[in-house]
C-alpha atoms as a PDB file:
ATOM      1  CA  MET A   1       0.000   0.000   0.000  1.00  0.00           C
ATOM      2  CA  SER A   2       1.563   3.295  -1.081  1.00  0.00           C
ATOM      3  CA  LEU A   3      -0.726   5.645   0.820  1.00  0.00           C
ATOM      4  CA  PRO A   4       0.226   8.031   3.583  1.00  0.00           C
ATOM      5  CA  THR A   5      -0.038   6.146   6.872  1.00  0.00           C
ATOM      6  CA  GLU A   6      -1.977   8.985   8.502  1.00  0.00           C
ATOM      7  CA  LYS A   7      -4.714   8.768   5.852  1.00  0.00           C
ATOM      8  CA  TYR A   8      -5.179   5.044   6.388  1.00  0.00           C
ATOM      9  CA  GLU A   9      -5.120   5.560  10.157  1.00  0.00           C
ATOM     10  CA  LYS A  10      -7.845   8.199   9.792  1.00  0.00           C
ATOM     11  CA  LEU A  11      -9.968   5.672   7.855  1.00  0.00           C
ATOM     12  CA  LYS A  12      -9.418   2.974  10.481  1.00  0.00           C
ATOM     13  CA  LYS A  13     -10.327   5.366  13.288  1.00  0.00           C
ATOM     14  CA  PHE A  14     -13.503   6.428  11.440  1.00  0.00           C
ATOM     15  CA  ILE A  15     -14.532   2.784  10.950  1.00  0.00           C
ATOM     16  CA  GLN A  16     -13.796   1.938  14.594  1.00  0.00           C
ATOM     17  CA  GLU A  17     -15.788   4.907  15.884  1.00  0.00           C
ATOM     18  CA  LYS A  18     -18.815   4.735  13.595  1.00  0.00           C
ATOM     19  CA  GLY A  19     -18.919   0.954  13.238  1.00  0.00           C
ATOM     20  CA  ARG A  20     -18.124  -0.166  16.774  1.00  0.00           C
ATOM     21  CA  GLU A  21     -21.695  -1.381  17.346  1.00  0.00           C
ATOM     22  CA  GLY A  22     -21.786  -3.134  13.993  1.00  0.00           C
ATOM     23  CA  VAL A  23     -22.011  -1.974  10.411  1.00  0.00           C
ATOM     24  CA  VAL A  24     -23.741  -3.041   7.222  1.00  0.00           C
ATOM     25  CA  ILE A  25     -21.780  -2.218   4.059  1.00  0.00           C
ATOM     26  CA  ALA A  26     -23.621  -1.518   0.792  1.00  0.00           C
ATOM     27  CA  PHE A  27     -21.772  -4.094  -1.293  1.00  0.00           C
ATOM     28  CA  SER A  28     -21.735  -4.260  -5.085  1.00  0.00           C
ATOM     29  CA  GLY A  29     -18.485  -6.198  -5.353  1.00  0.00           C
ATOM     30  CA  GLY A  30     -16.787  -3.283  -7.131  1.00  0.00           C
ATOM     31  CA  VAL A  31     -13.494  -1.744  -6.036  1.00  0.00           C
ATOM     32  CA  ASP A  32     -14.951   0.865  -3.666  1.00  0.00           C
ATOM     33  CA  SER A  33     -17.321  -1.378  -1.732  1.00  0.00           C
ATOM     34  CA  SER A  34     -14.972  -4.384  -1.801  1.00  0.00           C
ATOM     35  CA  THR A  35     -12.030  -2.460  -0.402  1.00  0.00           C
ATOM     36  CA  LEU A  36     -14.273  -0.850   2.206  1.00  0.00           C
ATOM     37  CA  ALA A  37     -15.704  -4.245   3.177  1.00  0.00           C
ATOM     38  CA  ALA A  38     -12.213  -5.744   3.466  1.00  0.00           C
ATOM     39  CA  VAL A  39     -10.985  -2.947   5.743  1.00  0.00           C
ATOM     40  CA  CYS A  40     -14.166  -3.095   7.852  1.00  0.00           C
ATOM     41  CA  HIS A  41     -13.869  -6.872   8.163  1.00  0.00           C
ATOM     42  CA  GLU A  42     -10.223  -6.552   9.206  1.00  0.00           C
ATOM     43  CA  ILE A  43     -11.110  -3.994  11.896  1.00  0.00           C
ATOM     44  CA  LEU A  44     -14.562  -5.094  13.062  1.00  0.00           C
ATOM     45  CA  GLY A  45     -14.584  -8.822  12.291  1.00  0.00           C
ATOM     46  CA  GLU A  46     -18.084 -10.288  12.692  1.00  0.00           C
ATOM     47  CA  LYS A  47     -19.508  -6.821  13.339  1.00  0.00           C
ATOM     48  CA  ALA A  48     -19.089  -6.023   9.633  1.00  0.00           C
ATOM     49  CA  VAL A  49     -21.611  -7.497   7.182  1.00  0.00           C
ATOM     50  CA  ALA A  50     -21.688  -6.926   3.416  1.00  0.00           C
ATOM     51  CA  VAL A  51     -25.170  -6.602   1.912  1.00  0.00           C
ATOM     52  CA  THR A  52     -25.977  -6.768  -1.800  1.00  0.00           C
ATOM     53  CA  ALA A  53     -29.280  -5.662  -3.281  1.00  0.00           C
ATOM     54  CA  VAL A  54     -31.216  -8.048  -5.492  1.00  0.00           C
ATOM     55  CA  SER A  55     -33.615  -6.402  -7.908  1.00  0.00           C
ATOM     56  CA  PRO A  56     -34.550  -6.552 -11.593  1.00  0.00           C
ATOM     57  CA  ILE A  57     -32.423  -3.421 -12.074  1.00  0.00           C
ATOM     58  CA  TYR A  58     -29.211  -5.238 -11.010  1.00  0.00           C
ATOM     59  CA  PRO A  59     -27.733  -7.819 -13.417  1.00  0.00           C
ATOM     60  CA  LEU A  60     -27.503 -11.329 -11.949  1.00  0.00           C
ATOM     61  CA  GLU A  61     -23.844 -11.552 -13.033  1.00  0.00           C
ATOM     62  CA  GLU A  62     -22.990  -8.605 -10.780  1.00  0.00           C
ATOM     63  CA  ILE A  63     -24.779 -10.191  -7.837  1.00  0.00           C
ATOM     64  CA  GLU A  64     -22.856 -13.432  -8.377  1.00  0.00           C
ATOM     65  CA  GLU A  65     -19.579 -11.505  -8.646  1.00  0.00           C
ATOM     66  CA  ALA A  66     -20.368  -9.731  -5.365  1.00  0.00           C
ATOM     67  CA  ARG A  67     -20.946 -13.115  -3.724  1.00  0.00           C
ATOM     68  CA  LYS A  68     -17.555 -14.370  -4.938  1.00  0.00           C
ATOM     69  CA  VAL A  69     -15.722 -11.246  -3.786  1.00  0.00           C
ATOM     70  CA  ALA A  70     -17.347 -11.386  -0.341  1.00  0.00           C
ATOM     71  CA  GLU A  71     -16.258 -15.005  -0.048  1.00  0.00           C
ATOM     72  CA  GLU A  72     -12.671 -14.038  -0.968  1.00  0.00           C
ATOM     73  CA  ILE A  73     -12.703 -11.311   1.686  1.00  0.00           C
ATOM     74  CA  GLY A  74     -14.185 -13.703   4.231  1.00  0.00           C
ATOM     75  CA  ILE A  75     -16.940 -11.293   5.250  1.00  0.00           C
ATOM     76  CA  LYS A  76     -20.496 -12.391   6.018  1.00  0.00           C
ATOM     77  CA  HIS A  77     -22.629 -11.584   2.962  1.00  0.00           C
ATOM     78  CA  ILE A  78     -26.385 -11.130   2.776  1.00  0.00           C
ATOM     79  CA  LEU A  79     -28.583 -10.678  -0.289  1.00  0.00           C
ATOM     80  CA  VAL A  80     -31.628  -8.478   0.207  1.00  0.00           C
ATOM     81  CA  GLU A  81     -34.448  -7.592  -2.175  1.00  0.00           C
ATOM     82  CA  THR A  82     -35.061  -3.968  -3.048  1.00  0.00           C
ATOM     83  CA  ASN A  83     -38.132  -2.602  -4.803  1.00  0.00           C
ATOM     84  CA  GLU A  84     -37.102   0.410  -6.855  1.00  0.00           C
ATOM     85  CA  LEU A  85     -39.621  -0.470  -9.559  1.00  0.00           C
ATOM     86  CA  LEU A  86     -42.478   0.103  -7.103  1.00  0.00           C
ATOM     87  CA  ASN A  87     -41.399   3.723  -6.700  1.00  0.00           C
ATOM     88  CA  GLU A  88     -43.174   5.903  -9.272  1.00  0.00           C
ATOM     89  CA  ASP A  89     -40.501   8.585  -8.969  1.00  0.00           C
ATOM     90  CA  PHE A  90     -37.826   6.074  -9.982  1.00  0.00           C
ATOM     91  CA  VAL A  91     -39.932   4.519 -12.755  1.00  0.00           C
ATOM     92  CA  ARG A  92     -40.519   7.938 -14.362  1.00  0.00           C
ATOM     93  CA  ASN A  93     -36.768   7.799 -15.072  1.00  0.00           C
ATOM     94  CA  PRO A  94     -36.010  11.439 -14.186  1.00  0.00           C
ATOM     95  CA  GLU A  95     -32.501  12.872 -14.242  1.00  0.00           C
ATOM     96  CA  ASP A  96     -32.236  12.328 -10.485  1.00  0.00           C
ATOM     97  CA  ARG A  97     -33.482   8.699 -10.569  1.00  0.00           C
ATOM     98  CA  CYS A  98     -30.256   7.645  -8.796  1.00  0.00           C
ATOM     99  CA  TYR A  99     -31.487   9.522  -5.754  1.00  0.00           C
ATOM    100  CA  TYR A 100     -34.594   7.308  -5.555  1.00  0.00           C
ATOM    101  CA  CYS A 101     -32.601   4.144  -6.208  1.00  0.00           C
ATOM    102  CA  LYS A 102     -29.979   5.002  -3.568  1.00  0.00           C
ATOM    103  CA  ARG A 103     -32.625   6.021  -1.042  1.00  0.00           C
ATOM    104  CA  GLU A 104     -34.427   2.684  -1.523  1.00  0.00           C
ATOM    105  CA  LEU A 105     -31.155   0.802  -1.122  1.00  0.00           C
ATOM    106  CA  LEU A 106     -30.005   2.674   1.970  1.00  0.00           C
ATOM    107  CA  THR A 107     -33.419   2.528   3.653  1.00  0.00           C
ATOM    108  CA  THR A 108     -33.458  -1.234   3.085  1.00  0.00           C
ATOM    109  CA  LEU A 109     -29.910  -1.560   4.430  1.00  0.00           C
ATOM    110  CA  LYS A 110     -30.825   0.416   7.538  1.00  0.00           C
ATOM    111  CA  ALA A 111     -33.614  -2.116   8.193  1.00  0.00           C
ATOM    112  CA  VAL A 112     -31.149  -4.994   7.724  1.00  0.00           C
ATOM    113  CA  ALA A 113     -28.727  -3.316  10.135  1.00  0.00           C
ATOM    114  CA  GLU A 114     -31.468  -2.976  12.744  1.00  0.00           C
ATOM    115  CA  LYS A 115     -32.419  -6.660  12.398  1.00  0.00           C
ATOM    116  CA  LEU A 116     -28.774  -7.564  12.997  1.00  0.00           C
ATOM    117  CA  GLY A 117     -28.649  -5.317  16.047  1.00  0.00           C
ATOM    118  CA  PHE A 118     -26.300  -2.896  14.286  1.00  0.00           C
ATOM    119  CA  GLN A 119     -26.472   0.881  14.247  1.00  0.00           C
ATOM    120  CA  THR A 120     -24.694   1.961  11.076  1.00  0.00           C
ATOM    121  CA  VAL A 121     -24.615   1.672   7.280  1.00  0.00           C
ATOM    122  CA  PHE A 122     -21.526   2.437   5.173  1.00  0.00           C
ATOM    123  CA  GLU A 123     -21.567   3.006   1.429  1.00  0.00           C
ATOM    124  CA  GLY A 124     -18.723   3.442  -1.030  1.00  0.00           C
ATOM    125  CA  THR A 125     -18.954   6.926  -2.534  1.00  0.00           C
ATOM    126  CA  ASN A 126     -15.499   8.518  -2.773  1.00  0.00           C
ATOM    127  CA  LEU A 127     -14.183  12.034  -3.400  1.00  0.00           C
ATOM    128  CA  SER A 128     -13.690  11.394  -7.130  1.00  0.00           C
ATOM    129  CA  ASP A 129     -17.368  10.463  -7.444  1.00  0.00           C
ATOM    130  CA  LEU A 130     -18.418  13.838  -6.064  1.00  0.00           C
ATOM    131  CA  ARG A 131     -16.842  15.661  -9.015  1.00  0.00           C
ATOM    132  CA  GLY A 132     -19.697  14.535 -11.241  1.00  0.00           C
ATOM    133  CA  HIS A 133     -23.478  14.747 -10.995  1.00  0.00           C
ATOM    134  CA  ARG A 134     -24.313  12.371  -8.106  1.00  0.00           C
ATOM    135  CA  PRO A 135     -27.962  12.740  -7.075  1.00  0.00           C
ATOM    136  CA  GLY A 136     -27.709   9.489  -5.120  1.00  0.00           C
ATOM    137  CA  PHE A 137     -25.324  11.089  -2.644  1.00  0.00           C
ATOM    138  CA  LYS A 138     -28.170  13.334  -1.492  1.00  0.00           C
ATOM    139  CA  ALA A 139     -29.816  10.223  -0.010  1.00  0.00           C
ATOM    140  CA  VAL A 140     -26.664   9.462   1.979  1.00  0.00           C
ATOM    141  CA  LYS A 141     -26.689  12.926   3.506  1.00  0.00           C
ATOM    142  CA  GLU A 142     -30.413  12.729   4.354  1.00  0.00           C
ATOM    143  CA  LEU A 143     -30.353   9.484   6.305  1.00  0.00           C
ATOM    144  CA  ASP A 144     -29.231   9.170   9.907  1.00  0.00           C
ATOM    145  CA  ARG A 145     -26.329   6.797  10.689  1.00  0.00           C
ATOM    146  CA  VAL A 146     -25.471   6.316   7.003  1.00  0.00           C
ATOM    147  CA  TYR A 147     -21.899   7.247   6.150  1.00  0.00           C
ATOM    148  CA  SER A 148     -19.474   7.372   3.232  1.00  0.00           C
ATOM    149  CA  PRO A 149     -16.126   6.551   4.874  1.00  0.00           C
ATOM    150  CA  TRP A 150     -14.157   7.276   1.690  1.00  0.00           C
ATOM    151  CA  VAL A 151     -15.596  10.797   1.511  1.00  0.00           C
ATOM    152  CA  GLU A 152     -15.355  11.374   5.261  1.00  0.00           C
ATOM    153  CA  THR A 153     -11.659  10.467   5.281  1.00  0.00           C
ATOM    154  CA  GLY A 154     -10.712  12.079   1.959  1.00  0.00           C
ATOM    155  CA  PHE A 155     -10.034   9.104  -0.333  1.00  0.00           C
ATOM    156  CA  THR A 156     -10.094   9.367  -4.132  1.00  0.00           C
ATOM    157  CA  LYS A 157     -10.818   6.452  -6.479  1.00  0.00           C
ATOM    158  CA  ASP A 158      -7.115   6.135  -7.296  1.00  0.00           C
ATOM    159  CA  GLU A 159      -6.207   5.933  -3.606  1.00  0.00           C
ATOM    160  CA  ILE A 160      -8.848   3.257  -3.015  1.00  0.00           C
ATOM    161  CA  ARG A 161      -7.432   1.214  -5.900  1.00  0.00           C
ATOM    162  CA  ARG A 162      -3.933   1.489  -4.403  1.00  0.00           C
ATOM    163  CA  LEU A 163      -5.242   0.511  -0.979  1.00  0.00           C
ATOM    164  CA  GLY A 164      -6.964  -2.525  -2.476  1.00  0.00           C
ATOM    165  CA  GLU A 165      -3.813  -3.817  -4.159  1.00  0.00           C
END
């Protein structure tokens, strides 16, 4: 890992503080969520659970890939159904449809966290993502006890890739 030690330490401290009572990680199996899940699993052990949404809007291949990656990490992995297609605002396909999709996902993950006796949800938005139009990030900011550790600790996509190596 070729990152400044203090940056990684900041991430670990954030995860320890926010996730100490258990955390559900929004898990797609991509670089951002996989690296986040691996770090959370290393720090929190059984108190970190990766959760992947199952819905007609997510390709089955991606869900299977997420399952494989979670197995490689060694983190507990749960599949949960989401119902974006029941939301008229999402179905209208507006420019900010990602907001409705992300809100559905995060609300569902909060319910999963509660069932597990956990308090917190992490998702994988990073600083590089915020440079573009990201209506889904609005949902993160609206919901209590939902965090973006990469944003909170100042990680870019490139830094996450290096951390995951």
